[in-house]
């Protein structure tokens, strides 16, 4: 017999942060607002929206890809997860043109502009009222590392902080 039931585990998980809703919310915000801004600035339209590491078809570039690394810290009587979030504007690699690199940098800066809008910085809530992040703050922009073989481009970097004091409710309830 299992020491814990699935219901107990999920109830406990709902006192903790969860990264997937953060990544999905960032993609949703960008899919909604980035195309119009890119068109207004005469920058290339995004073909693929997804997670870093997903397979991208040959004509799927430029792409906006999100990824995350999580660090946990003690905060008061609970803890917080700091999501080191990267939004990558990728062009197919292993090499790209100067124009593509310029477009990737410009696009990363437009991403930064969108994700630093006051309504996005936070707190940000899911449609069901769950707290996605307390705040989303920018960390800067960098190039995709030159030894990465899949694509090239630029990435806007952020950190999203999720607290546990009130619980997250970001995990689905078990089916009865």
N, C-alpha and C. Protein backbone atom coordinates (compact mmCIF):
# COMPACT_ATOMS: atom_id res chain seq x y z
N UNK A 1 0.84 -1.18 0.00
CA UNK A 1 0.00 0.00 0.00
C UNK A 1 0.89 1.25 0.00
N UNK A 2 0.52 2.22 -0.80
CA UNK A 2 1.29 3.45 -0.91
C UNK A 2 1.18 4.26 0.39
N UNK A 3 2.26 4.93 0.74
CA UNK A 3 2.25 5.75 1.95
C UNK A 3 1.31 6.95 1.80
N UNK A 4 1.21 7.48 0.58
CA UNK A 4 0.36 8.65 0.34
C UNK A 4 -0.57 8.37 -0.83
N UNK A 5 -1.78 8.89 -0.74
CA UNK A 5 -2.73 8.74 -1.84
C UNK A 5 -2.45 9.83 -2.88
N UNK A 6 -2.90 9.61 -4.11
CA UNK A 6 -2.75 10.67 -5.11
C UNK A 6 -3.41 11.98 -4.66
N UNK A 7 -4.54 11.91 -3.98
CA UNK A 7 -5.21 13.11 -3.50
C UNK A 7 -4.35 13.87 -2.49
N UNK A 8 -3.68 13.14 -1.58
CA UNK A 8 -2.81 13.79 -0.61
C UNK A 8 -1.62 14.46 -1.31
N UNK A 9 -1.06 13.77 -2.28
CA UNK A 9 0.10 14.32 -3.00
C UNK A 9 -0.31 15.57 -3.77
N UNK A 10 -1.44 15.52 -4.47
CA UNK A 10 -1.88 16.68 -5.25
C UNK A 10 -2.26 17.83 -4.33
N UNK A 11 -2.89 17.55 -3.20
CA UNK A 11 -3.20 18.61 -2.24
C UNK A 11 -1.92 19.28 -1.76
N UNK A 12 -0.88 18.49 -1.51
CA UNK A 12 0.40 19.06 -1.09
C UNK A 12 1.04 19.85 -2.23
N UNK A 13 0.98 19.30 -3.45
CA UNK A 13 1.54 20.02 -4.60
C UNK A 13 0.87 21.39 -4.77
N UNK A 14 -0.41 21.48 -4.43
CA UNK A 14 -1.11 22.75 -4.58
C UNK A 14 -0.74 23.78 -3.53
N UNK A 15 0.18 23.44 -2.64
CA UNK A 15 0.77 24.43 -1.74
C UNK A 15 2.10 24.91 -2.30
N UNK A 16 2.49 24.39 -3.46
CA UNK A 16 3.80 24.67 -4.04
C UNK A 16 3.65 25.33 -5.42
N UNK A 17 4.69 26.02 -5.86
CA UNK A 17 4.68 26.61 -7.20
C UNK A 17 4.73 25.53 -8.29
N UNK A 18 4.43 25.97 -9.52
CA UNK A 18 4.49 25.09 -10.68
C UNK A 18 4.95 25.93 -11.88
N UNK A 19 5.92 25.42 -12.64
CA UNK A 19 6.53 26.17 -13.74
C UNK A 19 5.71 26.17 -15.02
N UNK A 20 5.05 25.09 -15.36
CA UNK A 20 4.36 24.98 -16.65
C UNK A 20 3.34 26.12 -16.86
N UNK A 21 2.50 26.45 -15.87
CA UNK A 21 1.58 27.56 -16.10
C UNK A 21 2.29 28.90 -16.34
N UNK A 22 3.46 29.09 -15.76
CA UNK A 22 4.24 30.31 -16.00
C UNK A 22 4.67 30.36 -17.46
N UNK A 23 5.25 29.28 -17.95
CA UNK A 23 5.70 29.24 -19.34
C UNK A 23 4.52 29.41 -20.30
N UNK A 24 3.42 28.73 -20.02
CA UNK A 24 2.25 28.85 -20.89
C UNK A 24 1.68 30.27 -20.88
N UNK A 25 1.65 30.92 -19.72
CA UNK A 25 1.13 32.29 -19.64
C UNK A 25 2.03 33.25 -20.42
N UNK A 26 3.34 33.08 -20.32
CA UNK A 26 4.25 33.94 -21.06
C UNK A 26 4.05 33.75 -22.56
N UNK A 27 3.94 32.50 -23.00
CA UNK A 27 3.68 32.25 -24.43
C UNK A 27 2.36 32.88 -24.86
N UNK A 28 1.33 32.76 -24.04
CA UNK A 28 0.02 33.32 -24.39
C UNK A 28 0.09 34.84 -24.51
N UNK A 29 0.75 35.48 -23.57
CA UNK A 29 0.90 36.94 -23.61
C UNK A 29 1.62 37.35 -24.90
N UNK A 30 2.71 36.64 -25.21
CA UNK A 30 3.49 36.99 -26.39
C UNK A 30 2.74 36.67 -27.69
N UNK A 31 2.06 35.53 -27.76
CA UNK A 31 1.30 35.20 -28.96
C UNK A 31 0.20 36.23 -29.22
N UNK A 32 -0.31 36.83 -28.16
CA UNK A 32 -1.36 37.83 -28.28
C UNK A 32 -0.81 39.19 -28.73
N UNK A 33 0.32 39.61 -28.18
CA UNK A 33 0.80 40.98 -28.37
C UNK A 33 2.00 41.14 -29.30
N UNK A 34 2.85 40.12 -29.40
CA UNK A 34 4.08 40.27 -30.17
C UNK A 34 3.86 40.40 -31.68
N UNK A 35 2.96 39.65 -32.31
CA UNK A 35 2.82 39.76 -33.77
C UNK A 35 2.54 41.18 -34.25
N UNK A 36 1.63 41.89 -33.60
CA UNK A 36 1.31 43.26 -34.00
C UNK A 36 2.49 44.20 -33.85
N UNK A 37 3.22 44.05 -32.75
CA UNK A 37 4.39 44.90 -32.52
C UNK A 37 5.48 44.63 -33.55
N UNK A 38 5.71 43.35 -33.86
CA UNK A 38 6.73 43.02 -34.87
C UNK A 38 6.34 43.57 -36.23
N UNK A 39 5.07 43.45 -36.60
CA UNK A 39 4.62 43.98 -37.89
C UNK A 39 4.80 45.50 -37.94
N UNK A 40 4.47 46.19 -36.85
CA UNK A 40 4.61 47.64 -36.81
C UNK A 40 6.08 48.07 -36.92
N UNK A 41 6.99 47.21 -36.48
CA UNK A 41 8.42 47.52 -36.53
C UNK A 41 9.12 46.90 -37.73
N UNK A 42 8.36 46.29 -38.63
CA UNK A 42 8.91 45.63 -39.82
C UNK A 42 9.92 44.54 -39.47
N UNK A 43 9.63 43.80 -38.41
CA UNK A 43 10.46 42.66 -38.02
C UNK A 43 9.78 41.39 -38.49
N UNK A 44 10.53 40.31 -38.71
CA UNK A 44 9.93 39.07 -39.22
C UNK A 44 8.86 38.50 -38.29
N UNK A 45 7.82 37.96 -38.91
CA UNK A 45 6.75 37.32 -38.15
C UNK A 45 7.25 36.01 -37.56
N UNK A 46 6.75 35.68 -36.39
CA UNK A 46 7.11 34.43 -35.71
C UNK A 46 6.31 33.29 -36.35
N UNK A 47 7.00 32.19 -36.65
CA UNK A 47 6.38 31.03 -37.28
C UNK A 47 6.01 29.98 -36.23
N UNK A 48 6.87 29.77 -35.25
CA UNK A 48 6.68 28.71 -34.25
C UNK A 48 6.73 29.31 -32.85
N UNK A 49 5.81 28.86 -32.01
CA UNK A 49 5.75 29.25 -30.59
C UNK A 49 5.86 27.95 -29.79
N UNK A 50 6.79 27.87 -28.84
CA UNK A 50 6.89 26.63 -28.08
C UNK A 50 7.91 26.69 -26.96
N UNK A 51 8.28 25.50 -26.52
CA UNK A 51 9.27 25.33 -25.46
C UNK A 51 10.63 25.03 -26.09
N UNK A 52 11.68 25.55 -25.47
CA UNK A 52 13.03 25.22 -25.93
C UNK A 52 13.21 23.71 -25.81
N UNK A 53 13.79 23.11 -26.83
CA UNK A 53 14.00 21.68 -26.84
C UNK A 53 13.01 20.95 -27.71
N UNK A 54 11.88 21.59 -28.03
CA UNK A 54 10.92 20.97 -28.93
C UNK A 54 11.50 20.92 -30.33
N UNK A 55 11.10 19.91 -31.09
CA UNK A 55 11.53 19.82 -32.48
C UNK A 55 10.84 20.91 -33.28
N UNK A 56 11.61 21.58 -34.12
CA UNK A 56 11.08 22.64 -34.98
C UNK A 56 11.31 22.22 -36.42
N UNK A 57 10.23 22.20 -37.19
CA UNK A 57 10.33 21.82 -38.60
C UNK A 57 11.24 22.80 -39.34
N UNK A 58 11.78 22.38 -40.47
CA UNK A 58 12.75 23.16 -41.23
C UNK A 58 12.34 24.59 -41.54
N UNK A 59 11.05 24.82 -41.80
CA UNK A 59 10.59 26.17 -42.12
C UNK A 59 9.90 26.81 -40.92
N UNK A 60 10.20 26.35 -39.72
CA UNK A 60 9.54 26.83 -38.51
C UNK A 60 10.21 28.02 -37.85
N UNK A 61 11.12 28.67 -38.55
CA UNK A 61 11.84 29.81 -37.97
C UNK A 61 11.42 31.10 -38.66
N UNK A 62 11.46 32.23 -37.99
CA UNK A 62 11.88 32.39 -36.60
C UNK A 62 10.87 31.81 -35.62
N UNK A 63 11.40 31.48 -34.46
CA UNK A 63 10.58 30.86 -33.41
C UNK A 63 10.75 31.63 -32.10
N UNK A 64 9.71 31.63 -31.32
CA UNK A 64 9.79 32.11 -29.93
C UNK A 64 9.69 30.86 -29.06
N UNK A 65 10.72 30.64 -28.26
CA UNK A 65 10.81 29.47 -27.40
C UNK A 65 11.03 29.92 -25.96
N UNK A 66 10.37 29.26 -25.03
CA UNK A 66 10.54 29.59 -23.62
C UNK A 66 11.19 28.42 -22.89
N UNK A 67 11.95 28.76 -21.88
CA UNK A 67 12.57 27.74 -21.04
C UNK A 67 12.72 28.32 -19.64
N UNK A 68 13.05 27.46 -18.70
CA UNK A 68 13.01 27.84 -17.30
C UNK A 68 14.03 27.03 -16.50
N UNK A 69 14.60 27.65 -15.50
CA UNK A 69 15.38 26.96 -14.47
C UNK A 69 14.88 27.50 -13.14
N UNK A 70 14.70 26.63 -12.17
CA UNK A 70 14.04 27.03 -10.93
C UNK A 70 15.00 26.94 -9.75
N UNK A 71 15.01 28.01 -8.96
CA UNK A 71 15.79 28.02 -7.72
C UNK A 71 14.81 28.27 -6.58
N UNK A 72 14.94 27.50 -5.51
CA UNK A 72 14.05 27.61 -4.36
C UNK A 72 14.79 28.25 -3.20
N UNK A 73 14.10 29.19 -2.54
CA UNK A 73 14.68 29.89 -1.39
C UNK A 73 13.68 29.94 -0.25
N UNK A 74 14.17 29.92 0.97
CA UNK A 74 13.32 30.07 2.15
C UNK A 74 12.87 31.53 2.22
N UNK A 75 11.56 31.72 2.44
CA UNK A 75 10.99 33.06 2.59
C UNK A 75 10.04 33.00 3.77
N UNK A 76 10.41 33.64 4.89
CA UNK A 76 9.57 33.61 6.08
C UNK A 76 9.35 32.19 6.54
N UNK A 77 8.08 31.78 6.66
CA UNK A 77 7.76 30.43 7.11
C UNK A 77 7.54 29.48 5.94
N UNK A 78 7.70 29.97 4.73
CA UNK A 78 7.51 29.14 3.55
C UNK A 78 8.73 29.22 2.65
N UNK A 79 8.50 29.14 1.38
CA UNK A 79 9.59 29.29 0.43
C UNK A 79 9.05 29.88 -0.85
N UNK A 80 9.97 30.28 -1.70
CA UNK A 80 9.61 30.84 -3.00
C UNK A 80 10.46 30.17 -4.06
N UNK A 81 9.86 29.97 -5.21
CA UNK A 81 10.61 29.53 -6.38
C UNK A 81 10.88 30.75 -7.24
N UNK A 82 12.13 30.91 -7.62
CA UNK A 82 12.48 31.93 -8.60
C UNK A 82 12.73 31.21 -9.91
N UNK A 83 11.87 31.50 -10.88
CA UNK A 83 11.97 30.90 -12.20
C UNK A 83 12.88 31.77 -13.05
N UNK A 84 14.06 31.27 -13.41
CA UNK A 84 14.94 31.97 -14.34
C UNK A 84 14.41 31.66 -15.73
N UNK A 85 13.64 32.57 -16.26
CA UNK A 85 12.89 32.38 -17.50
C UNK A 85 13.66 33.01 -18.66
N UNK A 86 13.76 32.28 -19.75
CA UNK A 86 14.36 32.82 -20.97
C UNK A 86 13.35 32.70 -22.09
N UNK A 87 13.20 33.79 -22.84
CA UNK A 87 12.37 33.82 -24.04
C UNK A 87 13.34 34.01 -25.21
N UNK A 88 13.45 32.97 -26.02
CA UNK A 88 14.45 32.93 -27.08
C UNK A 88 13.80 33.26 -28.42
N UNK A 89 14.40 34.20 -29.15
CA UNK A 89 14.03 34.42 -30.54
C UNK A 89 15.07 33.67 -31.36
N UNK A 90 14.64 32.56 -31.94
CA UNK A 90 15.57 31.63 -32.59
C UNK A 90 15.41 31.62 -34.10
N UNK A 91 16.55 31.55 -34.76
CA UNK A 91 16.62 31.28 -36.19
C UNK A 91 17.37 29.97 -36.34
N UNK A 92 17.04 29.19 -37.36
CA UNK A 92 17.68 27.88 -37.57
C UNK A 92 19.18 28.00 -37.66
N UNK A 93 19.89 27.10 -37.02
CA UNK A 93 21.35 27.13 -36.96
C UNK A 93 21.95 26.05 -37.80
N UNK A 94 23.22 25.80 -37.71
CA UNK A 94 24.11 26.29 -36.65
C UNK A 94 24.67 27.70 -36.89
N UNK A 95 24.46 28.31 -38.06
CA UNK A 95 24.87 29.70 -38.26
C UNK A 95 23.69 30.47 -38.84
N UNK A 96 23.69 31.78 -38.61
CA UNK A 96 22.65 32.65 -39.15
C UNK A 96 23.32 33.88 -39.73
N UNK A 97 22.55 34.66 -40.47
CA UNK A 97 23.09 35.87 -41.09
C UNK A 97 23.14 37.01 -40.08
N UNK A 98 23.87 38.04 -40.42
CA UNK A 98 23.92 39.24 -39.58
C UNK A 98 22.51 39.83 -39.43
N UNK A 99 21.76 39.89 -40.51
CA UNK A 99 20.39 40.44 -40.47
C UNK A 99 19.51 39.63 -39.52
N UNK A 100 19.63 38.29 -39.55
CA UNK A 100 18.84 37.45 -38.64
C UNK A 100 19.24 37.71 -37.19
N UNK A 101 20.53 37.89 -36.93
CA UNK A 101 20.97 38.18 -35.57
C UNK A 101 20.44 39.53 -35.11
N UNK A 102 20.48 40.52 -35.99
CA UNK A 102 19.92 41.83 -35.64
C UNK A 102 18.42 41.72 -35.36
N UNK A 103 17.70 40.97 -36.21
CA UNK A 103 16.27 40.79 -35.99
C UNK A 103 15.99 40.05 -34.68
N UNK A 104 16.83 39.06 -34.36
CA UNK A 104 16.66 38.31 -33.10
C UNK A 104 16.86 39.23 -31.90
N UNK A 105 17.88 40.08 -31.96
CA UNK A 105 18.11 41.03 -30.86
C UNK A 105 16.97 42.02 -30.73
N UNK A 106 16.53 42.56 -31.86
CA UNK A 106 15.40 43.50 -31.81
C UNK A 106 14.15 42.82 -31.27
N UNK A 107 13.88 41.60 -31.71
CA UNK A 107 12.70 40.88 -31.23
C UNK A 107 12.80 40.61 -29.74
N UNK A 108 13.98 40.23 -29.26
CA UNK A 108 14.16 40.01 -27.81
C UNK A 108 13.88 41.29 -27.03
N UNK A 109 14.25 42.43 -27.60
CA UNK A 109 13.98 43.69 -26.91
C UNK A 109 12.48 44.03 -26.94
N UNK A 110 11.79 43.67 -28.01
CA UNK A 110 10.33 43.86 -28.06
C UNK A 110 9.67 42.94 -27.03
N UNK A 111 10.15 41.71 -26.93
CA UNK A 111 9.65 40.78 -25.90
C UNK A 111 9.82 41.41 -24.52
N UNK A 112 11.00 41.97 -24.28
CA UNK A 112 11.25 42.62 -22.98
C UNK A 112 10.25 43.75 -22.76
N UNK A 113 9.96 44.52 -23.81
CA UNK A 113 8.99 45.61 -23.67
C UNK A 113 7.61 45.10 -23.29
N UNK A 114 7.18 44.02 -23.90
CA UNK A 114 5.86 43.46 -23.60
C UNK A 114 5.81 42.90 -22.18
N UNK A 115 6.83 42.13 -21.82
CA UNK A 115 6.81 41.46 -20.51
C UNK A 115 7.16 42.38 -19.35
N UNK A 116 7.46 43.66 -19.64
CA UNK A 116 7.67 44.63 -18.56
C UNK A 116 6.51 45.61 -18.48
N UNK A 117 5.43 45.34 -19.22
CA UNK A 117 4.23 46.17 -19.09
C UNK A 117 3.68 45.97 -17.67
N UNK A 118 3.17 47.04 -17.03
CA UNK A 118 2.70 46.92 -15.65
C UNK A 118 1.71 45.78 -15.41
N UNK A 119 0.82 45.51 -16.35
CA UNK A 119 -0.16 44.44 -16.16
C UNK A 119 0.48 43.05 -16.17
N UNK A 120 1.69 42.95 -16.71
CA UNK A 120 2.38 41.66 -16.80
C UNK A 120 3.32 41.47 -15.62
N UNK A 121 3.98 42.55 -15.20
CA UNK A 121 4.99 42.45 -14.15
C UNK A 121 4.42 41.79 -12.89
N UNK A 122 3.20 42.10 -12.57
CA UNK A 122 2.57 41.35 -11.50
C UNK A 122 2.07 42.17 -10.35
N UNK A 123 1.33 41.45 -9.53
CA UNK A 123 1.07 40.02 -9.58
C UNK A 123 0.22 39.65 -10.79
N UNK A 124 0.42 38.41 -11.24
CA UNK A 124 -0.30 37.91 -12.43
C UNK A 124 -1.08 36.67 -12.03
N UNK A 125 -2.35 36.64 -12.41
CA UNK A 125 -3.26 35.56 -12.02
C UNK A 125 -3.71 34.77 -13.24
N UNK A 126 -3.93 33.48 -13.05
CA UNK A 126 -4.52 32.62 -14.07
C UNK A 126 -6.01 32.95 -14.16
N UNK A 127 -6.67 32.54 -15.24
CA UNK A 127 -8.11 32.80 -15.36
C UNK A 127 -8.95 32.29 -14.18
N UNK A 128 -8.48 31.22 -13.53
CA UNK A 128 -9.25 30.68 -12.38
C UNK A 128 -8.93 31.40 -11.08
N UNK A 129 -8.08 32.44 -11.13
CA UNK A 129 -7.74 33.20 -9.94
C UNK A 129 -6.48 32.75 -9.23
N UNK A 130 -5.86 31.66 -9.66
CA UNK A 130 -4.62 31.20 -9.05
C UNK A 130 -3.50 32.18 -9.36
N UNK A 131 -2.62 32.40 -8.41
CA UNK A 131 -1.49 33.31 -8.59
C UNK A 131 -0.41 32.62 -9.42
N UNK A 132 -0.14 33.14 -10.62
CA UNK A 132 0.93 32.59 -11.46
C UNK A 132 2.29 33.05 -10.96
N UNK A 133 2.44 34.36 -10.76
CA UNK A 133 3.68 34.90 -10.20
C UNK A 133 3.38 36.17 -9.43
N UNK A 134 4.20 36.39 -8.41
CA UNK A 134 4.08 37.61 -7.63
C UNK A 134 4.68 38.78 -8.40
N UNK A 135 5.80 38.52 -9.06
CA UNK A 135 6.38 39.52 -9.94
C UNK A 135 7.26 38.85 -11.00
N UNK A 136 7.33 39.50 -12.14
CA UNK A 136 8.15 39.06 -13.28
C UNK A 136 9.05 40.23 -13.62
N UNK A 137 10.34 40.07 -13.37
CA UNK A 137 11.28 41.17 -13.56
C UNK A 137 12.34 40.79 -14.59
N UNK A 138 12.80 41.78 -15.33
CA UNK A 138 13.78 41.52 -16.38
C UNK A 138 15.18 41.32 -15.80
N UNK A 139 15.94 40.46 -16.46
CA UNK A 139 17.33 40.20 -16.07
C UNK A 139 18.30 40.61 -17.17
N UNK A 140 17.82 40.86 -18.38
CA UNK A 140 18.70 41.28 -19.45
C UNK A 140 18.47 40.49 -20.72
N UNK A 141 19.36 40.70 -21.67
CA UNK A 141 19.30 40.05 -22.97
C UNK A 141 20.67 39.51 -23.30
N UNK A 142 20.71 38.31 -23.87
CA UNK A 142 21.99 37.73 -24.29
C UNK A 142 21.78 36.95 -25.57
N UNK A 143 22.88 36.59 -26.19
CA UNK A 143 22.83 35.76 -27.39
C UNK A 143 22.71 34.29 -26.99
N UNK A 144 22.11 33.49 -27.85
CA UNK A 144 22.12 32.04 -27.65
C UNK A 144 23.59 31.63 -27.67
N UNK A 145 24.03 30.79 -26.73
CA UNK A 145 25.45 30.41 -26.70
C UNK A 145 25.93 29.86 -28.04
N UNK A 146 27.14 30.24 -28.46
CA UNK A 146 27.63 29.85 -29.78
C UNK A 146 27.84 28.35 -29.96
N UNK A 147 27.92 27.60 -28.88
CA UNK A 147 28.11 26.15 -29.00
C UNK A 147 26.79 25.39 -29.06
N UNK A 148 25.66 26.11 -29.09
CA UNK A 148 24.37 25.44 -29.17
C UNK A 148 24.10 25.10 -30.63
N UNK A 149 23.94 23.81 -30.97
CA UNK A 149 23.89 23.41 -32.38
C UNK A 149 22.53 23.55 -33.07
N UNK A 150 21.44 23.72 -32.34
CA UNK A 150 20.11 23.64 -32.93
C UNK A 150 19.64 24.94 -33.59
N UNK A 151 19.98 26.07 -32.99
CA UNK A 151 19.55 27.36 -33.52
C UNK A 151 20.43 28.45 -32.94
N UNK A 152 20.29 29.64 -33.51
CA UNK A 152 21.00 30.83 -33.06
C UNK A 152 19.96 31.93 -32.83
N UNK A 153 20.36 32.94 -32.11
CA UNK A 153 19.47 34.07 -31.89
C UNK A 153 19.79 34.79 -30.61
N UNK A 154 18.76 35.38 -30.02
CA UNK A 154 18.92 36.16 -28.79
C UNK A 154 17.82 35.77 -27.82
N UNK A 155 18.11 35.99 -26.54
CA UNK A 155 17.13 35.63 -25.52
C UNK A 155 16.95 36.77 -24.52
N UNK A 156 15.69 37.05 -24.23
CA UNK A 156 15.34 37.99 -23.17
C UNK A 156 15.20 37.16 -21.90
N UNK A 157 15.81 37.62 -20.83
CA UNK A 157 15.84 36.85 -19.59
C UNK A 157 15.08 37.58 -18.49
N UNK A 158 14.35 36.80 -17.70
CA UNK A 158 13.50 37.33 -16.64
C UNK A 158 13.59 36.42 -15.42
N UNK A 159 13.10 36.90 -14.31
CA UNK A 159 12.85 35.99 -13.20
C UNK A 159 11.43 36.24 -12.67
N UNK A 160 10.71 35.14 -12.55
CA UNK A 160 9.35 35.15 -12.04
C UNK A 160 9.38 34.51 -10.66
N UNK A 161 8.83 35.20 -9.69
CA UNK A 161 8.84 34.67 -8.32
C UNK A 161 7.46 34.16 -7.95
N UNK A 162 7.43 32.92 -7.46
CA UNK A 162 6.20 32.28 -7.00
C UNK A 162 6.38 31.95 -5.51
N UNK A 163 5.44 32.41 -4.69
CA UNK A 163 5.49 32.15 -3.25
C UNK A 163 4.56 31.00 -2.88
N UNK A 164 4.82 30.39 -1.73
CA UNK A 164 4.01 29.26 -1.29
C UNK A 164 3.10 29.58 -0.12
N UNK A 165 3.19 30.75 0.45
CA UNK A 165 2.49 31.05 1.69
C UNK A 165 0.99 30.81 1.57
N UNK A 166 0.37 31.21 0.47
CA UNK A 166 -1.07 31.02 0.30
C UNK A 166 -1.40 29.80 -0.55
N UNK A 167 -0.42 29.09 -1.04
CA UNK A 167 -0.66 27.96 -1.91
C UNK A 167 -0.84 28.42 -3.34
N UNK A 168 -0.60 27.51 -4.27
CA UNK A 168 -0.64 27.89 -5.68
C UNK A 168 -1.93 27.48 -6.37
N UNK A 169 -2.47 26.32 -6.00
CA UNK A 169 -3.63 25.75 -6.69
C UNK A 169 -3.38 25.65 -8.20
N UNK A 170 -2.15 25.41 -8.61
CA UNK A 170 -1.80 25.33 -10.01
C UNK A 170 -1.75 23.90 -10.53
N UNK A 171 -2.02 22.93 -9.65
CA UNK A 171 -2.04 21.53 -10.05
C UNK A 171 -3.48 21.08 -10.16
N UNK A 172 -3.82 20.29 -11.17
CA UNK A 172 -5.23 19.88 -11.34
C UNK A 172 -5.70 18.97 -10.21
N UNK A 173 -6.95 19.12 -9.85
CA UNK A 173 -7.53 18.25 -8.83
C UNK A 173 -7.70 16.85 -9.41
N UNK A 174 -7.54 15.83 -8.55
CA UNK A 174 -7.73 14.46 -9.07
C UNK A 174 -9.19 14.21 -9.43
N UNK A 175 -9.37 13.36 -10.42
CA UNK A 175 -10.73 12.98 -10.82
C UNK A 175 -11.35 12.15 -9.69
N UNK A 176 -12.64 12.35 -9.39
CA UNK A 176 -13.28 11.58 -8.30
C UNK A 176 -13.44 10.12 -8.67
